[in-house]
Amino acid sequence: METDIYSTEMALRSGISEVHVTKNKTVRALLKELGLLYRHHVVLVDGKRAYLDDEITEGQRVIVLPIIAGG
């Protein structure tokens, strides 16, 4: 089983909407690999907010969303 990673920003930027992760890694490592900054994104793992040192394991569903602010 593989981990599914979904990122709206990544999809818009590169046309890729799904990435498969085959080994465990932290949220920090994943964002670095994707070239994304944590302060600009919210990461959900299996529907719950994840933080930089949280580990993503095989089979989990990960969604990366950009933080949107306005005024």
N, C-alpha and C. Protein backbone atom coordinates (compact mmCIF):
# COMPACT_ATOMS: atom_id res chain seq x y z
N MET A 1 0.85 -1.18 0.00
CA MET A 1 0.00 0.00 0.00
C MET A 1 0.89 1.24 0.00
N GLU A 2 0.46 2.27 -0.67
CA GLU A 2 1.22 3.51 -0.75
C GLU A 2 0.44 4.63 -0.09
N THR A 3 1.13 5.69 0.25
CA THR A 3 0.51 6.87 0.83
C THR A 3 0.14 7.82 -0.29
N ASP A 4 -1.06 8.34 -0.26
CA ASP A 4 -1.50 9.31 -1.27
C ASP A 4 -1.31 10.72 -0.72
N ILE A 5 -0.69 11.58 -1.49
CA ILE A 5 -0.47 12.97 -1.12
C ILE A 5 -1.21 13.84 -2.13
N TYR A 6 -2.07 14.71 -1.64
CA TYR A 6 -2.82 15.60 -2.51
C TYR A 6 -2.48 17.05 -2.16
N SER A 7 -2.13 17.84 -3.13
CA SER A 7 -1.81 19.24 -2.91
C SER A 7 -2.46 20.09 -3.99
N THR A 8 -3.32 20.99 -3.58
CA THR A 8 -3.98 21.85 -4.56
C THR A 8 -2.96 22.76 -5.24
N GLU A 9 -2.02 23.28 -4.49
CA GLU A 9 -1.02 24.18 -5.07
C GLU A 9 -0.13 23.43 -6.05
N MET A 10 0.30 22.25 -5.65
CA MET A 10 1.16 21.45 -6.52
C MET A 10 0.42 21.10 -7.81
N ALA A 11 -0.86 20.80 -7.69
CA ALA A 11 -1.66 20.45 -8.87
C ALA A 11 -1.74 21.64 -9.81
N LEU A 12 -1.96 22.82 -9.27
CA LEU A 12 -2.05 24.01 -10.11
C LEU A 12 -0.72 24.37 -10.75
N ARG A 13 0.36 24.17 -9.98
CA ARG A 13 1.68 24.57 -10.45
C ARG A 13 2.25 23.61 -11.48
N SER A 14 2.06 22.31 -11.27
CA SER A 14 2.74 21.35 -12.13
C SER A 14 1.83 20.36 -12.84
N GLY A 15 0.55 20.43 -12.55
CA GLY A 15 -0.36 19.48 -13.16
C GLY A 15 -0.43 18.15 -12.42
N ILE A 16 0.41 17.97 -11.40
CA ILE A 16 0.40 16.73 -10.62
C ILE A 16 -0.55 16.92 -9.45
N SER A 17 -1.47 16.01 -9.29
CA SER A 17 -2.39 16.12 -8.18
C SER A 17 -2.24 15.00 -7.17
N GLU A 18 -1.39 14.03 -7.46
CA GLU A 18 -1.22 12.89 -6.56
C GLU A 18 0.23 12.44 -6.57
N VAL A 19 0.77 12.19 -5.40
CA VAL A 19 2.13 11.69 -5.25
C VAL A 19 2.07 10.48 -4.35
N HIS A 20 2.79 9.44 -4.67
CA HIS A 20 2.81 8.25 -3.83
C HIS A 20 4.11 8.20 -3.04
N VAL A 21 3.98 8.07 -1.73
CA VAL A 21 5.13 7.98 -0.84
C VAL A 21 5.26 6.53 -0.41
N THR A 22 6.43 5.94 -0.62
CA THR A 22 6.59 4.52 -0.33
C THR A 22 7.38 4.24 0.95
N LYS A 23 7.92 5.28 1.60
CA LYS A 23 8.60 5.07 2.88
C LYS A 23 8.16 6.15 3.87
N ASN A 24 8.23 5.81 5.14
CA ASN A 24 7.81 6.75 6.18
C ASN A 24 8.69 7.99 6.16
N LYS A 25 8.05 9.14 6.41
CA LYS A 25 8.80 10.40 6.51
C LYS A 25 7.98 11.37 7.34
N THR A 26 8.64 12.41 7.82
CA THR A 26 7.94 13.43 8.58
C THR A 26 7.25 14.41 7.62
N VAL A 27 6.32 15.15 8.16
CA VAL A 27 5.66 16.20 7.38
C VAL A 27 6.71 17.19 6.88
N ARG A 28 7.67 17.51 7.74
CA ARG A 28 8.75 18.43 7.36
C ARG A 28 9.49 17.93 6.12
N ALA A 29 9.86 16.65 6.12
CA ALA A 29 10.61 16.06 5.01
C ALA A 29 9.77 16.05 3.74
N LEU A 30 8.50 15.75 3.86
CA LEU A 30 7.62 15.73 2.70
C LEU A 30 7.50 17.12 2.07
N LEU A 31 7.25 18.14 2.91
CA LEU A 31 7.11 19.50 2.38
C LEU A 31 8.41 19.97 1.73
N LYS A 32 9.54 19.62 2.34
CA LYS A 32 10.83 20.00 1.75
C LYS A 32 10.99 19.34 0.39
N GLU A 33 10.63 18.07 0.30
CA GLU A 33 10.72 17.34 -0.95
C GLU A 33 9.83 17.96 -2.03
N LEU A 34 8.67 18.46 -1.62
CA LEU A 34 7.73 19.07 -2.55
C LEU A 34 8.04 20.53 -2.83
N GLY A 35 9.00 21.11 -2.09
CA GLY A 35 9.36 22.51 -2.28
C GLY A 35 8.32 23.47 -1.73
N LEU A 36 7.61 23.05 -0.68
CA LEU A 36 6.55 23.87 -0.08
C LEU A 36 6.94 24.32 1.32
N LEU A 37 6.49 25.50 1.73
CA LEU A 37 6.77 26.02 3.06
C LEU A 37 5.61 25.73 4.00
N TYR A 38 5.91 25.23 5.19
CA TYR A 38 4.88 24.88 6.17
C TYR A 38 4.06 26.10 6.57
N ARG A 39 4.72 27.25 6.69
CA ARG A 39 3.99 28.43 7.14
C ARG A 39 2.95 28.90 6.12
N HIS A 40 3.02 28.36 4.90
CA HIS A 40 2.05 28.71 3.87
C HIS A 40 1.04 27.60 3.60
N HIS A 41 1.11 26.51 4.37
CA HIS A 41 0.26 25.35 4.10
C HIS A 41 -0.27 24.71 5.37
N VAL A 42 -1.40 24.06 5.24
CA VAL A 42 -1.96 23.21 6.28
C VAL A 42 -1.87 21.79 5.75
N VAL A 43 -1.39 20.89 6.59
CA VAL A 43 -1.26 19.49 6.19
C VAL A 43 -2.25 18.66 7.00
N LEU A 44 -3.04 17.88 6.30
CA LEU A 44 -3.98 16.97 6.94
C LEU A 44 -3.54 15.54 6.66
N VAL A 45 -3.49 14.72 7.72
CA VAL A 45 -3.17 13.31 7.56
C VAL A 45 -4.38 12.53 8.06
N ASP A 46 -4.97 11.77 7.18
CA ASP A 46 -6.21 11.04 7.48
C ASP A 46 -7.26 11.96 8.09
N GLY A 47 -7.36 13.17 7.55
CA GLY A 47 -8.39 14.12 7.95
C GLY A 47 -8.09 14.94 9.19
N LYS A 48 -6.92 14.75 9.81
CA LYS A 48 -6.56 15.52 11.01
C LYS A 48 -5.31 16.34 10.73
N ARG A 49 -5.26 17.53 11.34
CA ARG A 49 -4.10 18.41 11.12
C ARG A 49 -2.82 17.74 11.59
N ALA A 50 -1.78 17.87 10.78
CA ALA A 50 -0.48 17.30 11.11
C ALA A 50 0.53 18.43 11.26
N TYR A 51 1.53 18.19 12.06
CA TYR A 51 2.57 19.18 12.33
C TYR A 51 3.92 18.67 11.82
N LEU A 52 4.91 19.54 11.78
CA LEU A 52 6.19 19.25 11.13
C LEU A 52 6.84 17.95 11.56
N ASP A 53 6.81 17.62 12.83
CA ASP A 53 7.49 16.41 13.31
C ASP A 53 6.62 15.17 13.30
N ASP A 54 5.36 15.30 12.86
CA ASP A 54 4.49 14.13 12.74
C ASP A 54 4.99 13.25 11.60
N GLU A 55 4.93 11.94 11.82
CA GLU A 55 5.39 11.00 10.80
C GLU A 55 4.23 10.53 9.95
N ILE A 56 4.48 10.47 8.66
CA ILE A 56 3.52 9.94 7.70
C ILE A 56 3.93 8.51 7.43
N THR A 57 3.00 7.59 7.60
CA THR A 57 3.31 6.18 7.39
C THR A 57 2.57 5.66 6.16
N GLU A 58 3.00 4.53 5.70
CA GLU A 58 2.43 3.91 4.52
C GLU A 58 0.91 3.73 4.66
N GLY A 59 0.20 4.09 3.63
CA GLY A 59 -1.23 3.90 3.60
C GLY A 59 -2.06 5.09 4.08
N GLN A 60 -1.41 6.11 4.62
CA GLN A 60 -2.16 7.27 5.09
C GLN A 60 -2.48 8.21 3.93
N ARG A 61 -3.59 8.91 4.07
CA ARG A 61 -3.98 9.90 3.06
C ARG A 61 -3.58 11.27 3.56
N VAL A 62 -2.81 11.99 2.77
CA VAL A 62 -2.29 13.29 3.15
C VAL A 62 -2.81 14.33 2.16
N ILE A 63 -3.33 15.43 2.71
CA ILE A 63 -3.78 16.55 1.89
C ILE A 63 -3.00 17.78 2.30
N VAL A 64 -2.43 18.49 1.33
CA VAL A 64 -1.67 19.71 1.58
C VAL A 64 -2.46 20.86 0.96
N LEU A 65 -2.87 21.80 1.81
CA LEU A 65 -3.68 22.93 1.35
C LEU A 65 -2.96 24.24 1.60
N PRO A 66 -3.02 25.18 0.67
CA PRO A 66 -2.42 26.50 0.92
C PRO A 66 -3.27 27.26 1.94
N ILE A 67 -2.61 28.04 2.77
CA ILE A 67 -3.32 28.90 3.71
C ILE A 67 -3.74 30.15 2.93
N ILE A 68 -5.00 30.48 3.06
CA ILE A 68 -5.54 31.64 2.34
C ILE A 68 -5.93 32.70 3.36
N ALA A 69 -5.44 33.91 3.15
CA ALA A 69 -5.76 35.02 4.04
C ALA A 69 -6.29 36.18 3.19
N GLY A 70 -7.07 36.95 3.80
CA GLY A 70 -7.59 38.10 3.06
C GLY A 70 -7.94 39.22 4.02
N GLY A 71 -8.32 40.28 3.48
CA GLY A 71 -8.66 41.38 4.35
C GLY A 71 -9.51 42.41 3.65
